[in-house]
Amino acid sequence: MKLFQPSFIPAVCWLVISTFLLVIPGNSFPQENWLDKIWFDKWVHIGLFAVMVVLWCRAMLRMNLAVVRRRKLFIFIAGLWLIYGIGMEFVQKYLVVNRSFDAGDIMADAVGCLAGLFYSMRSYIKK
């Protein structure tokens, strides 16, 4: 019986879903005041980017790298998705109707990337 080997399919699907959600015009979102009070937008960013990092780290497991190299790769993945998040803020500012640049979203993206990195390091790297 062949061992389960993670693939890139879930990671790529999550990238497509996340990109779609990040480029939806601002008037497509509900305008509920209570969502602002619980910082719903920031929690969404944290979740999107945490899952993104975990799925891409998981997809890299089939590379069978040494522990040190796998750690470096996971850190690189987290950094890459943070750069993607920063880039998407500029896309929202200049290319998406009724959306704007928000430094708070970048902070939430960073928290999500760090959370995904922490989970991946603990779950996918054997000591």
N, C-alpha and C. Protein backbone atom coordinates (compact mmCIF):
# COMPACT_ATOMS: atom_id res chain seq x y z
N MET A 1 0.84 -1.19 0.00
CA MET A 1 0.00 0.00 0.00
C MET A 1 0.88 1.25 0.00
N LYS A 2 0.56 2.15 -0.87
CA LYS A 2 1.34 3.36 -1.02
C LYS A 2 0.96 4.36 0.07
N LEU A 3 1.96 4.97 0.69
CA LEU A 3 1.71 5.99 1.71
C LEU A 3 1.07 7.22 1.07
N PHE A 4 0.22 7.87 1.82
CA PHE A 4 -0.40 9.11 1.35
C PHE A 4 0.67 10.17 1.18
N GLN A 5 0.72 10.74 0.00
CA GLN A 5 1.66 11.82 -0.26
C GLN A 5 0.89 13.09 -0.58
N PRO A 6 1.10 14.14 0.18
CA PRO A 6 0.38 15.38 -0.08
C PRO A 6 0.67 15.89 -1.49
N SER A 7 -0.29 16.56 -2.06
CA SER A 7 -0.10 17.13 -3.39
C SER A 7 -0.30 18.64 -3.34
N PHE A 8 -0.12 19.25 -4.48
CA PHE A 8 -0.28 20.69 -4.59
C PHE A 8 -1.72 21.09 -4.87
N ILE A 9 -2.60 20.13 -5.13
CA ILE A 9 -3.97 20.46 -5.50
C ILE A 9 -4.69 21.28 -4.42
N PRO A 10 -4.69 20.86 -3.14
CA PRO A 10 -5.36 21.69 -2.12
C PRO A 10 -4.73 23.09 -2.00
N ALA A 11 -3.40 23.16 -2.10
CA ALA A 11 -2.72 24.45 -1.97
C ALA A 11 -3.08 25.38 -3.12
N VAL A 12 -3.11 24.86 -4.33
CA VAL A 12 -3.45 25.69 -5.49
C VAL A 12 -4.92 26.10 -5.42
N CYS A 13 -5.80 25.18 -5.03
CA CYS A 13 -7.22 25.53 -4.88
C CYS A 13 -7.41 26.63 -3.85
N TRP A 14 -6.69 26.55 -2.73
CA TRP A 14 -6.80 27.59 -1.69
C TRP A 14 -6.26 28.92 -2.21
N LEU A 15 -5.21 28.89 -3.01
CA LEU A 15 -4.67 30.11 -3.60
C LEU A 15 -5.72 30.77 -4.50
N VAL A 16 -6.40 29.97 -5.32
CA VAL A 16 -7.43 30.51 -6.21
C VAL A 16 -8.58 31.11 -5.40
N ILE A 17 -9.04 30.38 -4.38
CA ILE A 17 -10.13 30.87 -3.53
C ILE A 17 -9.72 32.17 -2.82
N SER A 18 -8.53 32.18 -2.26
CA SER A 18 -8.05 33.36 -1.53
C SER A 18 -7.92 34.57 -2.45
N THR A 19 -7.36 34.35 -3.63
CA THR A 19 -7.19 35.45 -4.57
C THR A 19 -8.56 36.00 -4.97
N PHE A 20 -9.49 35.10 -5.23
CA PHE A 20 -10.85 35.55 -5.56
C PHE A 20 -11.44 36.41 -4.45
N LEU A 21 -11.31 35.95 -3.21
CA LEU A 21 -11.86 36.70 -2.08
C LEU A 21 -11.17 38.06 -1.90
N LEU A 22 -9.89 38.12 -2.22
CA LEU A 22 -9.15 39.36 -2.04
C LEU A 22 -9.41 40.39 -3.13
N VAL A 23 -9.96 39.95 -4.27
CA VAL A 23 -10.20 40.90 -5.37
C VAL A 23 -11.69 41.15 -5.63
N ILE A 24 -12.55 40.66 -4.76
CA ILE A 24 -13.98 40.97 -4.88
C ILE A 24 -14.15 42.47 -4.63
N PRO A 25 -14.94 43.14 -5.48
CA PRO A 25 -15.17 44.57 -5.23
C PRO A 25 -15.77 44.81 -3.84
N GLY A 26 -15.41 45.93 -3.24
CA GLY A 26 -15.82 46.24 -1.87
C GLY A 26 -17.32 46.31 -1.66
N ASN A 27 -18.07 46.66 -2.69
CA ASN A 27 -19.52 46.76 -2.52
C ASN A 27 -20.20 45.40 -2.50
N SER A 28 -19.46 44.31 -2.69
CA SER A 28 -20.01 42.95 -2.62
C SER A 28 -20.07 42.42 -1.21
N PHE A 29 -19.44 43.12 -0.28
CA PHE A 29 -19.41 42.67 1.11
C PHE A 29 -20.59 43.24 1.88
N PRO A 30 -21.07 42.49 2.88
CA PRO A 30 -22.14 43.04 3.71
C PRO A 30 -21.61 44.23 4.52
N GLN A 31 -22.45 45.20 4.73
CA GLN A 31 -22.06 46.42 5.44
C GLN A 31 -22.60 46.42 6.88
N GLU A 32 -22.34 45.36 7.59
CA GLU A 32 -22.82 45.23 8.97
C GLU A 32 -21.84 45.89 9.92
N ASN A 33 -22.31 46.74 10.81
CA ASN A 33 -21.44 47.42 11.76
C ASN A 33 -20.86 46.48 12.81
N TRP A 34 -21.61 45.44 13.20
CA TRP A 34 -21.11 44.55 14.23
C TRP A 34 -19.90 43.75 13.75
N LEU A 35 -19.77 43.55 12.43
CA LEU A 35 -18.58 42.86 11.92
C LEU A 35 -17.32 43.69 12.13
N ASP A 36 -17.48 45.01 12.03
CA ASP A 36 -16.34 45.91 12.28
C ASP A 36 -15.92 45.87 13.74
N LYS A 37 -16.87 45.71 14.63
CA LYS A 37 -16.57 45.71 16.06
C LYS A 37 -15.76 44.49 16.48
N ILE A 38 -15.93 43.38 15.79
CA ILE A 38 -15.16 42.17 16.14
C ILE A 38 -13.97 41.97 15.20
N TRP A 39 -13.66 42.97 14.40
CA TRP A 39 -12.55 42.93 13.45
C TRP A 39 -12.61 41.70 12.56
N PHE A 40 -13.79 41.42 12.05
CA PHE A 40 -14.01 40.23 11.23
C PHE A 40 -13.06 40.16 10.05
N ASP A 41 -12.83 41.30 9.41
CA ASP A 41 -11.94 41.35 8.25
C ASP A 41 -10.53 40.86 8.61
N LYS A 42 -10.04 41.26 9.76
CA LYS A 42 -8.69 40.85 10.17
C LYS A 42 -8.63 39.36 10.46
N TRP A 43 -9.67 38.81 11.10
CA TRP A 43 -9.72 37.37 11.37
C TRP A 43 -9.75 36.57 10.07
N VAL A 44 -10.44 37.10 9.06
CA VAL A 44 -10.47 36.44 7.75
C VAL A 44 -9.07 36.41 7.16
N HIS A 45 -8.36 37.52 7.22
CA HIS A 45 -7.00 37.57 6.69
C HIS A 45 -6.09 36.60 7.44
N ILE A 46 -6.18 36.56 8.75
CA ILE A 46 -5.36 35.62 9.53
C ILE A 46 -5.64 34.20 9.09
N GLY A 47 -6.91 33.85 8.98
CA GLY A 47 -7.28 32.50 8.58
C GLY A 47 -6.83 32.16 7.17
N LEU A 48 -7.06 33.07 6.22
CA LEU A 48 -6.66 32.81 4.84
C LEU A 48 -5.16 32.51 4.74
N PHE A 49 -4.36 33.33 5.40
CA PHE A 49 -2.91 33.18 5.25
C PHE A 49 -2.35 32.05 6.10
N ALA A 50 -2.94 31.75 7.23
CA ALA A 50 -2.49 30.60 8.01
C ALA A 50 -2.72 29.31 7.22
N VAL A 51 -3.91 29.18 6.66
CA VAL A 51 -4.21 27.98 5.87
C VAL A 51 -3.32 27.92 4.63
N MET A 52 -3.08 29.07 4.00
CA MET A 52 -2.22 29.11 2.82
C MET A 52 -0.82 28.56 3.14
N VAL A 53 -0.23 29.02 4.22
CA VAL A 53 1.12 28.57 4.58
C VAL A 53 1.11 27.08 4.93
N VAL A 54 0.13 26.63 5.70
CA VAL A 54 0.06 25.22 6.08
C VAL A 54 -0.08 24.33 4.85
N LEU A 55 -0.96 24.69 3.94
CA LEU A 55 -1.17 23.86 2.75
C LEU A 55 0.07 23.80 1.86
N TRP A 56 0.75 24.91 1.70
CA TRP A 56 1.96 24.90 0.86
C TRP A 56 3.11 24.18 1.55
N CYS A 57 3.23 24.31 2.86
CA CYS A 57 4.26 23.54 3.58
C CYS A 57 3.96 22.04 3.49
N ARG A 58 2.69 21.70 3.64
CA ARG A 58 2.27 20.30 3.55
C ARG A 58 2.57 19.73 2.16
N ALA A 59 2.36 20.54 1.14
CA ALA A 59 2.63 20.10 -0.22
C ALA A 59 4.11 19.83 -0.46
N MET A 60 4.96 20.49 0.30
CA MET A 60 6.40 20.32 0.13
C MET A 60 6.95 19.07 0.84
N LEU A 61 6.11 18.38 1.57
CA LEU A 61 6.59 17.21 2.32
C LEU A 61 7.14 16.11 1.43
N ARG A 62 6.64 16.00 0.22
CA ARG A 62 7.13 14.95 -0.66
C ARG A 62 8.56 15.18 -1.14
N MET A 63 9.14 16.31 -0.82
CA MET A 63 10.51 16.60 -1.24
C MET A 63 11.54 15.85 -0.40
N ASN A 64 11.16 15.30 0.75
CA ASN A 64 12.06 14.53 1.61
C ASN A 64 13.37 15.26 1.90
N LEU A 65 13.27 16.45 2.40
CA LEU A 65 14.44 17.25 2.74
C LEU A 65 14.89 16.97 4.16
N ALA A 66 16.15 17.27 4.43
CA ALA A 66 16.66 17.19 5.79
C ALA A 66 15.94 18.24 6.64
N VAL A 67 15.95 18.04 7.94
CA VAL A 67 15.21 18.90 8.86
C VAL A 67 15.60 20.37 8.70
N VAL A 68 16.88 20.66 8.63
CA VAL A 68 17.33 22.05 8.53
C VAL A 68 16.84 22.68 7.23
N ARG A 69 16.94 21.95 6.15
CA ARG A 69 16.49 22.48 4.85
C ARG A 69 14.97 22.64 4.82
N ARG A 70 14.26 21.72 5.45
CA ARG A 70 12.80 21.82 5.49
C ARG A 70 12.38 23.05 6.29
N ARG A 71 13.07 23.32 7.40
CA ARG A 71 12.77 24.53 8.19
C ARG A 71 12.97 25.79 7.35
N LYS A 72 14.09 25.85 6.64
CA LYS A 72 14.38 27.01 5.79
C LYS A 72 13.33 27.15 4.70
N LEU A 73 12.91 26.03 4.12
CA LEU A 73 11.88 26.07 3.08
C LEU A 73 10.56 26.58 3.65
N PHE A 74 10.19 26.12 4.83
CA PHE A 74 8.95 26.56 5.46
C PHE A 74 8.99 28.06 5.76
N ILE A 75 10.13 28.55 6.23
CA ILE A 75 10.28 29.99 6.49
C ILE A 75 10.17 30.77 5.19
N PHE A 76 10.79 30.24 4.13
CA PHE A 76 10.70 30.88 2.81
C PHE A 76 9.25 30.93 2.33
N ILE A 77 8.52 29.84 2.50
CA ILE A 77 7.11 29.79 2.09
C ILE A 77 6.30 30.85 2.85
N ALA A 78 6.48 30.94 4.16
CA ALA A 78 5.76 31.93 4.96
C ALA A 78 6.09 33.35 4.48
N GLY A 79 7.36 33.60 4.22
CA GLY A 79 7.77 34.92 3.73
C GLY A 79 7.20 35.22 2.35
N LEU A 80 7.17 34.22 1.51
CA LEU A 80 6.63 34.39 0.16
C LEU A 80 5.14 34.76 0.20
N TRP A 81 4.39 34.08 1.08
CA TRP A 81 2.96 34.39 1.17
C TRP A 81 2.71 35.73 1.84
N LEU A 82 3.59 36.17 2.71
CA LEU A 82 3.46 37.51 3.27
C LEU A 82 3.68 38.56 2.17
N ILE A 83 4.67 38.33 1.31
CA ILE A 83 4.90 39.24 0.19
C ILE A 83 3.68 39.26 -0.74
N TYR A 84 3.08 38.09 -0.96
CA TYR A 84 1.85 38.00 -1.74
C TYR A 84 0.75 38.85 -1.10
N GLY A 85 0.61 38.77 0.22
CA GLY A 85 -0.40 39.54 0.93
C GLY A 85 -0.17 41.04 0.78
N ILE A 86 1.08 41.45 0.88
CA ILE A 86 1.40 42.87 0.69
C ILE A 86 1.06 43.29 -0.74
N GLY A 87 1.43 42.46 -1.68
CA GLY A 87 1.11 42.76 -3.08
C GLY A 87 -0.38 42.86 -3.34
N MET A 88 -1.15 42.00 -2.69
CA MET A 88 -2.60 42.03 -2.87
C MET A 88 -3.21 43.31 -2.31
N GLU A 89 -2.59 43.90 -1.29
CA GLU A 89 -3.08 45.18 -0.78
C GLU A 89 -2.91 46.27 -1.84
N PHE A 90 -1.80 46.23 -2.58
CA PHE A 90 -1.62 47.20 -3.66
C PHE A 90 -2.59 46.93 -4.80
N VAL A 91 -2.86 45.67 -5.09
CA VAL A 91 -3.86 45.32 -6.10
C VAL A 91 -5.22 45.88 -5.69
N GLN A 92 -5.57 45.71 -4.42
CA GLN A 92 -6.84 46.23 -3.94
C GLN A 92 -6.90 47.75 -4.06
N LYS A 93 -5.78 48.40 -3.78
CA LYS A 93 -5.76 49.87 -3.83
C LYS A 93 -5.92 50.40 -5.25
N TYR A 94 -5.19 49.79 -6.20
CA TYR A 94 -5.12 50.35 -7.53
C TYR A 94 -6.01 49.67 -8.57
N LEU A 95 -6.43 48.43 -8.34
CA LEU A 95 -7.13 47.70 -9.39
C LEU A 95 -8.53 47.20 -9.05
N VAL A 96 -8.93 47.27 -7.79
CA VAL A 96 -10.22 46.74 -7.38
C VAL A 96 -11.13 47.88 -6.92
N VAL A 97 -12.34 47.88 -7.46
CA VAL A 97 -13.31 48.93 -7.14
C VAL A 97 -13.74 48.83 -5.68
N ASN A 98 -13.82 49.96 -5.03
CA ASN A 98 -14.28 50.08 -3.63
C ASN A 98 -13.43 49.28 -2.64
N ARG A 99 -12.19 49.07 -2.93
CA ARG A 99 -11.27 48.44 -1.99
C ARG A 99 -10.10 49.40 -1.80
N SER A 100 -9.39 49.26 -0.68
CA SER A 100 -8.29 50.17 -0.41
C SER A 100 -7.15 49.43 0.27
N PHE A 101 -6.02 50.12 0.31
CA PHE A 101 -4.84 49.61 0.99
C PHE A 101 -5.07 49.72 2.50
N ASP A 102 -4.76 48.65 3.24
CA ASP A 102 -4.96 48.66 4.69
C ASP A 102 -3.75 48.01 5.35
N ALA A 103 -2.97 48.80 6.06
CA ALA A 103 -1.80 48.27 6.75
C ALA A 103 -2.22 47.24 7.81
N GLY A 104 -3.40 47.40 8.38
CA GLY A 104 -3.89 46.42 9.35
C GLY A 104 -4.08 45.05 8.73
N ASP A 105 -4.50 45.03 7.46
CA ASP A 105 -4.62 43.75 6.76
C ASP A 105 -3.25 43.09 6.59
N ILE A 106 -2.24 43.88 6.33
CA ILE A 106 -0.89 43.33 6.19
C ILE A 106 -0.43 42.73 7.52
N MET A 107 -0.73 43.41 8.61
CA MET A 107 -0.39 42.86 9.93
C MET A 107 -1.13 41.55 10.17
N ALA A 108 -2.41 41.50 9.80
CA ALA A 108 -3.18 40.27 9.96
C ALA A 108 -2.62 39.16 9.06
N ASP A 109 -2.19 39.51 7.84
CA ASP A 109 -1.57 38.53 6.96
C ASP A 109 -0.29 37.97 7.60
N ALA A 110 0.49 38.86 8.20
CA ALA A 110 1.73 38.44 8.86
C ALA A 110 1.45 37.51 10.03
N VAL A 111 0.43 37.83 10.82
CA VAL A 111 0.06 36.97 11.94
C VAL A 111 -0.38 35.60 11.42
N GLY A 112 -1.17 35.60 10.35
CA GLY A 112 -1.61 34.34 9.75
C GLY A 112 -0.44 33.52 9.23
N CYS A 113 0.50 34.18 8.55
CA CYS A 113 1.68 33.48 8.04
C CYS A 113 2.50 32.89 9.19
N LEU A 114 2.66 33.65 10.26
CA LEU A 114 3.42 33.14 11.42
C LEU A 114 2.69 31.98 12.09
N ALA A 115 1.37 32.08 12.18
CA ALA A 115 0.59 30.98 12.78
C ALA A 115 0.71 29.72 11.92
N GLY A 116 0.61 29.88 10.61
CA GLY A 116 0.76 28.74 9.71
C GLY A 116 2.16 28.16 9.76
N LEU A 117 3.16 29.02 9.87
CA LEU A 117 4.54 28.56 9.99
C LEU A 117 4.75 27.79 11.29
N PHE A 118 4.24 28.33 12.38
CA PHE A 118 4.36 27.67 13.67
C PHE A 118 3.71 26.29 13.64
N TYR A 119 2.50 26.21 13.11
CA TYR A 119 1.80 24.93 13.02
C TYR A 119 2.58 23.95 12.14
N SER A 120 3.07 24.43 11.01
CA SER A 120 3.80 23.55 10.09
C SER A 120 5.09 23.04 10.70
N MET A 121 5.81 23.92 11.39
CA MET A 121 7.05 23.51 12.04
C MET A 121 6.79 22.44 13.10
N ARG A 122 5.72 22.61 13.86
CA ARG A 122 5.40 21.65 14.93
C ARG A 122 4.84 20.34 14.37
N SER A 123 4.11 20.41 13.28
CA SER A 123 3.42 19.23 12.78
C SER A 123 4.22 18.44 11.74
N TYR A 124 4.98 19.13 10.91
CA TYR A 124 5.59 18.46 9.76
C TYR A 124 7.10 18.26 9.88
N ILE A 125 7.70 18.72 10.97
CA ILE A 125 9.15 18.52 11.14
C ILE A 125 9.37 17.67 12.37
N LYS A 126 9.96 16.51 12.13
CA LYS A 126 10.24 15.60 13.24
C LYS A 126 11.56 15.99 13.89
N LYS A 127 11.57 15.91 15.19
CA LYS A 127 12.80 16.26 15.92
C LYS A 127 13.60 15.03 16.23
